[in-house]
Protein backbone atom coordinates (compact mmCIF):
# COMPACT_ATOMS: atom_id res chain seq x y z
CA MET A 1 -1.23 10.30 -10.12
CA THR A 2 -2.31 12.45 -13.34
CA ILE A 3 -5.87 12.85 -14.25
CA LYS A 4 -5.35 10.55 -17.24
CA GLU A 5 -4.16 7.85 -14.77
CA ILE A 6 -7.27 8.38 -12.63
CA LEU A 7 -9.55 8.23 -15.50
CA LYS A 8 -7.80 4.84 -16.53
CA VAL A 9 -8.49 3.65 -12.90
CA SER A 10 -12.15 4.48 -13.35
CA ARG A 11 -12.53 2.21 -16.38
CA PRO A 12 -14.28 4.46 -19.13
CA ARG A 13 -15.53 1.47 -20.92
CA PHE A 14 -17.70 0.71 -17.94
CA TRP A 15 -18.87 4.21 -17.13
CA LEU A 16 -22.19 3.69 -18.72
CA TYR A 17 -22.92 0.65 -16.50
CA GLU A 18 -23.72 2.90 -13.45
CA ALA A 19 -24.78 6.04 -15.26
CA GLY A 20 -27.02 4.09 -17.61
CA THR A 21 -28.65 2.07 -14.90
CA PHE A 22 -29.37 5.15 -12.98
CA ALA A 23 -30.28 7.67 -15.73
CA LEU A 24 -31.50 5.51 -18.67
CA ILE A 25 -33.18 2.47 -16.81
CA GLY A 26 -33.97 3.23 -13.22
CA ALA A 27 -35.16 6.82 -13.69
CA VAL A 28 -37.10 6.00 -16.86
CA ALA A 29 -38.78 2.98 -15.26
CA ALA A 30 -40.44 5.44 -12.86
CA HIS A 31 -42.82 6.18 -15.73
CA GLN A 32 -43.18 9.83 -14.97
CA GLY A 33 -43.09 11.17 -18.38
CA LEU A 34 -39.85 13.19 -19.34
CA THR A 35 -40.39 15.65 -16.39
CA PHE A 36 -37.30 14.22 -14.53
CA PHE A 37 -35.14 15.60 -17.40
CA SER A 38 -35.69 19.14 -15.89
CA ASP A 39 -34.63 18.22 -12.55
CA TRP A 40 -31.01 19.38 -11.50
CA ARG A 41 -30.50 16.28 -9.28
CA TYR A 42 -30.98 13.97 -12.24
CA TRP A 43 -28.10 15.72 -14.08
CA ILE A 44 -25.95 16.02 -10.95
CA PHE A 45 -26.28 12.23 -10.17
CA THR A 46 -25.98 11.27 -13.72
CA PHE A 47 -22.50 12.84 -13.70
CA TYR A 48 -21.66 11.25 -10.38
CA PHE A 49 -22.60 7.84 -11.51
CA LEU A 50 -20.63 8.36 -14.80
CA ILE A 51 -17.26 9.18 -13.31
CA PRO A 52 -16.83 9.74 -9.49
CA ALA A 53 -18.72 6.65 -8.75
CA ASN A 54 -16.72 4.47 -10.93
CA ILE A 55 -13.41 5.96 -9.36
CA LEU A 56 -14.82 4.82 -6.02
CA ILE A 57 -15.66 1.19 -7.41
CA TYR A 58 -12.47 0.60 -9.27
CA GLY A 59 -10.00 2.84 -7.21
CA ILE A 60 -10.91 0.78 -4.05
CA ASN A 61 -10.65 -2.46 -6.13
CA ASP A 62 -7.17 -1.47 -7.47
CA ILE A 63 -5.88 -0.59 -3.95
CA PHE A 64 -6.94 -3.65 -2.11
CA ASP A 65 -6.14 -5.92 -5.23
CA TYR A 66 -2.58 -5.00 -5.87
CA GLU A 67 -1.01 -8.16 -4.53
CA THR A 68 -3.34 -10.29 -6.57
CA ASP A 69 -3.32 -7.94 -9.65
CA LYS A 70 0.36 -7.71 -10.14
CA THR A 71 0.59 -11.33 -11.50
CA ASN A 72 -2.38 -10.83 -13.88
CA PRO A 73 -1.32 -9.51 -17.22
CA LYS A 74 -4.91 -8.20 -18.05
CA LYS A 75 -4.55 -5.62 -15.23
CA VAL A 76 -1.51 -4.15 -16.82
CA THR A 77 -2.82 -3.68 -20.23
CA TYR A 78 -6.75 -3.84 -20.26
CA GLU A 79 -7.27 -2.52 -16.74
CA ALA A 80 -5.04 -0.59 -14.27
CA LEU A 81 -2.28 -1.52 -11.93
CA VAL A 82 -1.75 1.00 -8.97
CA PRO A 83 1.47 0.39 -7.13
CA PRO A 84 1.64 1.16 -3.47
CA ASN A 85 3.37 4.47 -3.86
CA GLN A 86 0.31 5.90 -5.68
CA GLN A 87 -2.34 4.57 -3.38
CA LYS A 88 -2.56 7.34 -0.85
CA THR A 89 -2.98 9.82 -3.89
CA LEU A 90 -5.71 7.44 -5.21
CA TRP A 91 -7.36 7.37 -1.72
CA LYS A 92 -7.61 11.31 -1.85
CA TRP A 93 -9.14 11.19 -5.35
CA ILE A 94 -11.69 8.80 -4.12
CA VAL A 95 -12.77 10.80 -1.01
CA PHE A 96 -12.76 14.22 -2.66
CA SER A 97 -14.53 13.16 -5.82
CA ASN A 98 -17.32 11.27 -4.14
CA ALA A 99 -17.94 12.95 -0.72
CA PRO A 100 -19.65 16.12 -1.97
CA PHE A 101 -22.29 14.17 -3.53
CA PHE A 102 -23.17 12.45 -0.38
CA PHE A 103 -24.67 15.71 1.01
CA LEU A 104 -26.99 16.13 -2.05
CA VAL A 105 -28.82 12.79 -1.31
CA PRO A 106 -32.38 13.77 -0.15
CA LEU A 107 -33.00 12.68 3.42
CA GLN A 108 -35.70 10.17 2.49
CA VAL A 109 -35.44 6.47 3.26
CA SER A 110 -36.45 5.49 -0.35
CA LEU A 111 -33.39 7.56 -1.66
CA ALA A 112 -30.87 7.35 1.20
CA VAL A 113 -31.04 3.68 1.56
CA PRO A 114 -30.45 2.67 -2.11
CA PHE A 115 -27.77 5.35 -2.46
CA PHE A 116 -25.70 4.34 0.67
CA ALA A 117 -26.37 0.67 -0.30
CA PHE A 118 -24.42 1.37 -3.54
CA VAL A 119 -21.69 2.96 -1.67
CA PHE A 120 -21.55 -0.11 0.70
CA PHE A 121 -21.59 -2.72 -1.89
CA ALA A 122 -19.10 -0.87 -4.15
CA THR A 123 -16.76 -0.35 -1.21
CA PHE A 124 -16.84 -3.70 0.41
CA TYR A 125 -16.81 -5.72 -2.66
CA SER A 126 -12.99 -5.22 -2.43
CA ALA A 127 -12.28 -3.69 0.89
CA GLU A 128 -11.67 -5.36 4.11
CA PRO A 129 -12.95 -6.53 6.46
CA ILE A 130 -15.74 -8.03 4.22
CA ARG A 131 -13.78 -8.27 0.97
CA ALA A 132 -16.76 -10.04 -0.82
CA LYS A 133 -14.82 -10.45 -4.02
CA ALA A 134 -12.86 -13.28 -2.28
CA LYS A 135 -15.97 -15.13 -1.17
CA PRO A 136 -17.75 -17.12 -4.03
CA PHE A 137 -21.37 -16.37 -4.63
CA ILE A 138 -21.09 -13.48 -2.20
CA ASP A 139 -18.82 -11.75 -4.68
CA SER A 140 -21.44 -11.91 -7.41
CA LEU A 141 -24.18 -10.73 -5.16
CA PHE A 142 -22.07 -7.67 -3.83
CA SER A 143 -21.19 -6.74 -7.46
CA ALA A 144 -24.75 -6.98 -8.64
CA GLY A 145 -26.03 -5.23 -5.57
CA HIS A 146 -24.37 -1.95 -6.38
CA TYR A 147 -25.86 -1.80 -9.85
CA VAL A 148 -29.36 -2.66 -8.77
CA ALA A 149 -29.08 -0.13 -5.85
CA THR A 150 -28.16 2.44 -8.43
CA GLY A 151 -31.27 1.81 -10.45
CA VAL A 152 -33.52 1.74 -7.40
CA PHE A 153 -32.04 5.24 -6.49
CA GLY A 154 -32.70 6.37 -10.01
CA PHE A 155 -36.32 4.93 -9.82
CA TYR A 156 -37.20 6.80 -6.59
CA LEU A 157 -35.32 10.04 -7.54
CA ALA A 158 -37.53 10.36 -10.75
CA GLY A 159 -40.65 10.05 -8.59
CA GLY A 160 -41.47 6.23 -8.91
CA MET A 161 -43.67 4.68 -6.34
CA GLY A 162 -43.21 1.03 -5.31
CA VAL A 163 -40.30 -0.40 -7.00
CA PRO A 164 -41.31 -3.25 -9.35
CA TYR A 165 -39.55 -6.30 -7.45
CA THR A 166 -39.74 -8.56 -10.57
CA ALA A 167 -37.63 -6.12 -12.45
CA VAL A 168 -35.27 -5.98 -9.55
CA ILE A 169 -34.79 -9.61 -9.51
CA ALA A 170 -34.31 -9.64 -13.31
CA ALA A 171 -31.74 -6.90 -12.76
CA MET A 172 -29.80 -8.96 -10.05
CA CYS A 173 -29.85 -12.11 -12.40
CA TRP A 174 -28.29 -10.16 -15.26
CA ALA A 175 -25.68 -8.40 -12.91
CA VAL A 176 -24.67 -11.63 -11.23
CA ALA A 177 -24.21 -13.30 -14.59
CA MET A 178 -22.10 -10.26 -15.73
CA HIS A 179 -19.86 -10.52 -12.73
CA ALA A 180 -19.65 -14.38 -12.84
CA TYR A 181 -18.63 -14.34 -16.50
CA SER A 182 -15.85 -11.71 -15.79
CA ALA A 183 -14.21 -13.97 -13.32
CA VAL A 184 -14.02 -16.81 -15.85
CA PRO A 185 -10.96 -15.34 -17.84
CA ASP A 186 -9.09 -14.73 -14.58
CA ILE A 187 -9.26 -18.40 -13.31
CA GLU A 188 -5.59 -19.12 -13.84
CA SER A 189 -4.28 -15.84 -12.59
CA ASP A 190 -6.68 -15.79 -9.49
CA ILE A 191 -5.54 -19.45 -8.59
CA GLU A 192 -1.92 -18.16 -8.73
CA ALA A 193 -2.78 -15.26 -6.66
CA GLY A 194 -4.76 -17.29 -3.99
CA LEU A 195 -7.97 -15.47 -4.89
CA TYR A 196 -11.10 -17.65 -4.49
CA THR A 197 -13.82 -16.87 -6.74
CA ILE A 198 -17.09 -18.15 -8.01
CA ALA A 199 -15.38 -19.33 -11.30
CA ILE A 200 -12.87 -21.26 -9.38
CA LEU A 201 -15.24 -22.83 -7.03
CA ILE A 202 -17.56 -24.48 -9.70
CA GLY A 203 -15.26 -24.38 -12.74
CA GLN A 204 -15.23 -22.63 -16.13
CA LYS A 205 -17.91 -24.64 -17.91
CA LYS A 206 -20.29 -24.63 -14.90
CA THR A 207 -19.93 -20.88 -14.27
CA LEU A 208 -20.73 -20.31 -18.06
CA TYR A 209 -23.87 -22.46 -17.88
CA PHE A 210 -24.70 -20.62 -14.52
CA CYS A 211 -24.39 -17.35 -16.48
CA TRP A 212 -26.49 -18.57 -19.37
CA PHE A 213 -29.29 -19.63 -17.06
CA LEU A 214 -29.35 -16.31 -15.31
CA TYR A 215 -29.40 -14.28 -18.51
CA LEU A 216 -32.31 -16.49 -19.72
CA LEU A 217 -34.19 -16.14 -16.39
CA SER A 218 -33.59 -12.30 -16.54
CA ALA A 219 -35.15 -12.26 -19.93
CA TYR A 220 -38.11 -14.40 -18.85
CA LEU A 221 -38.87 -12.15 -15.95
CA VAL A 222 -39.23 -8.98 -18.15
CA PHE A 223 -40.93 -10.64 -21.09
CA GLY A 224 -44.32 -9.66 -19.86
CA GLN A 225 -43.44 -5.91 -19.89
CA LEU A 226 -40.66 -5.81 -22.52
CA PRO A 227 -40.98 -8.80 -24.92
CA LEU A 228 -38.81 -7.39 -27.72
CA VAL A 229 -35.92 -6.54 -25.37
CA ALA A 230 -36.35 -9.93 -23.62
CA VAL A 231 -36.14 -11.95 -26.83
CA ILE A 232 -33.09 -9.96 -28.22
CA GLY A 233 -31.36 -10.16 -24.98
CA ALA A 234 -31.90 -13.83 -24.55
CA VAL A 235 -30.77 -14.50 -28.15
CA VAL A 236 -27.72 -12.29 -27.90
CA PHE A 237 -26.49 -13.55 -24.79
CA SER A 238 -27.20 -17.21 -25.60
CA LEU A 239 -24.99 -16.74 -28.72
CA LEU A 240 -22.18 -15.40 -26.42
CA MET A 241 -22.51 -18.23 -23.89
CA ILE A 242 -22.32 -20.68 -26.79
CA LEU A 243 -19.19 -19.09 -28.17
CA SER A 244 -17.69 -19.01 -24.82
CA LEU A 245 -18.28 -22.61 -24.12
CA ARG A 246 -16.50 -23.47 -27.46
CA THR A 247 -13.37 -21.45 -26.68
CA LYS A 248 -10.17 -23.40 -26.45
CA SER A 249 -8.01 -21.06 -24.33
CA PRO A 250 -8.33 -18.32 -21.75
CA GLU A 251 -6.98 -15.78 -24.31
CA SER A 252 -9.90 -16.49 -26.68
CA LEU A 253 -12.47 -16.35 -23.94
CA PHE A 254 -11.03 -13.05 -22.83
CA GLN A 255 -11.33 -11.72 -26.39
CA ILE A 256 -15.12 -12.46 -26.23
CA TYR A 257 -15.18 -10.67 -22.69
CA THR A 258 -13.84 -7.50 -24.16
CA TYR A 259 -16.97 -7.20 -26.49
CA PHE A 260 -19.31 -7.38 -23.41
CA PRO A 261 -19.17 -3.57 -22.51
CA TYR A 262 -20.24 -2.81 -26.06
CA ILE A 263 -22.98 -5.48 -26.06
CA ASN A 264 -24.33 -4.40 -22.70
CA VAL A 265 -24.66 -0.85 -23.65
CA ALA A 266 -26.35 -1.87 -26.85
CA VAL A 267 -28.97 -4.15 -25.03
CA GLY A 268 -29.34 -1.45 -22.18
CA THR A 269 -29.95 1.34 -24.77
CA LEU A 270 -32.68 -0.79 -26.33
CA LEU A 271 -34.24 -1.32 -22.92
CA SER A 272 -34.00 2.23 -22.30
CA ILE A 273 -35.67 3.28 -25.43
CA SER A 274 -38.42 0.63 -24.78
CA LEU A 275 -39.18 2.17 -21.37
CA LEU A 276 -39.29 5.74 -22.92
CA VAL A 277 -41.78 4.54 -25.47
CA GLN A 278 -43.88 3.19 -22.74
CA ASN A 279 -43.62 6.55 -20.90
CA LEU A 280 -44.74 8.50 -23.98
CA ARG A 281 -48.01 6.41 -24.60
């Protein structure tokens, strides 16, 4: 596989999901001022969560999902389809791009646990024997788990003390909603492939209402600390859910889905700026 193909597997449009959660939300939420910017570990792990971590997440996904992905047109165009003859090479990329960073994790429970929790959730979301993505509700929890673990790792690496559990629950709600929504455009292809997801279990409309509820709950949980972000997030995602509920075809729903990386990054950036402002007070 070429470097271009490996980068396609890593889903560049999603790079900021993990890196931003670590560097711009988790680390900033530690409220240690700007001192963490001078810590070499901050920059090393920002790079890790930007590219190698995404090679891990999506590379394992593409290896274990080949049989179900080959019938899904989205995987050929919008994402990546890795045929069996390329999977051995992809495994090498996953191992050699990730393993060096494992040795840089400080031997502290507060840091080692969330980091390796990220690796566990990211791996066994797709990989056997757990393969959480084929188990409704557990699929969303595993998907959300690796994002939240990344944020907690950033929080403690930046010197935070006592992770705010309300914020963790809010992050879980947001990430579960994000994952559940992503399963909706794939309902038809997943049924054809024999893959059982949360969207298949409860149906398209109920899944969208479930996502809407979780987005609003997430906004409510952070309203006391970040009212502006909470209100903007609630309004933006409510509008997206309303538009999604009014769609007439999987294709039009998928078109809305393609805007989510940009919207998530925009809301995440606003959240990060708000946290930075609190830091500097």
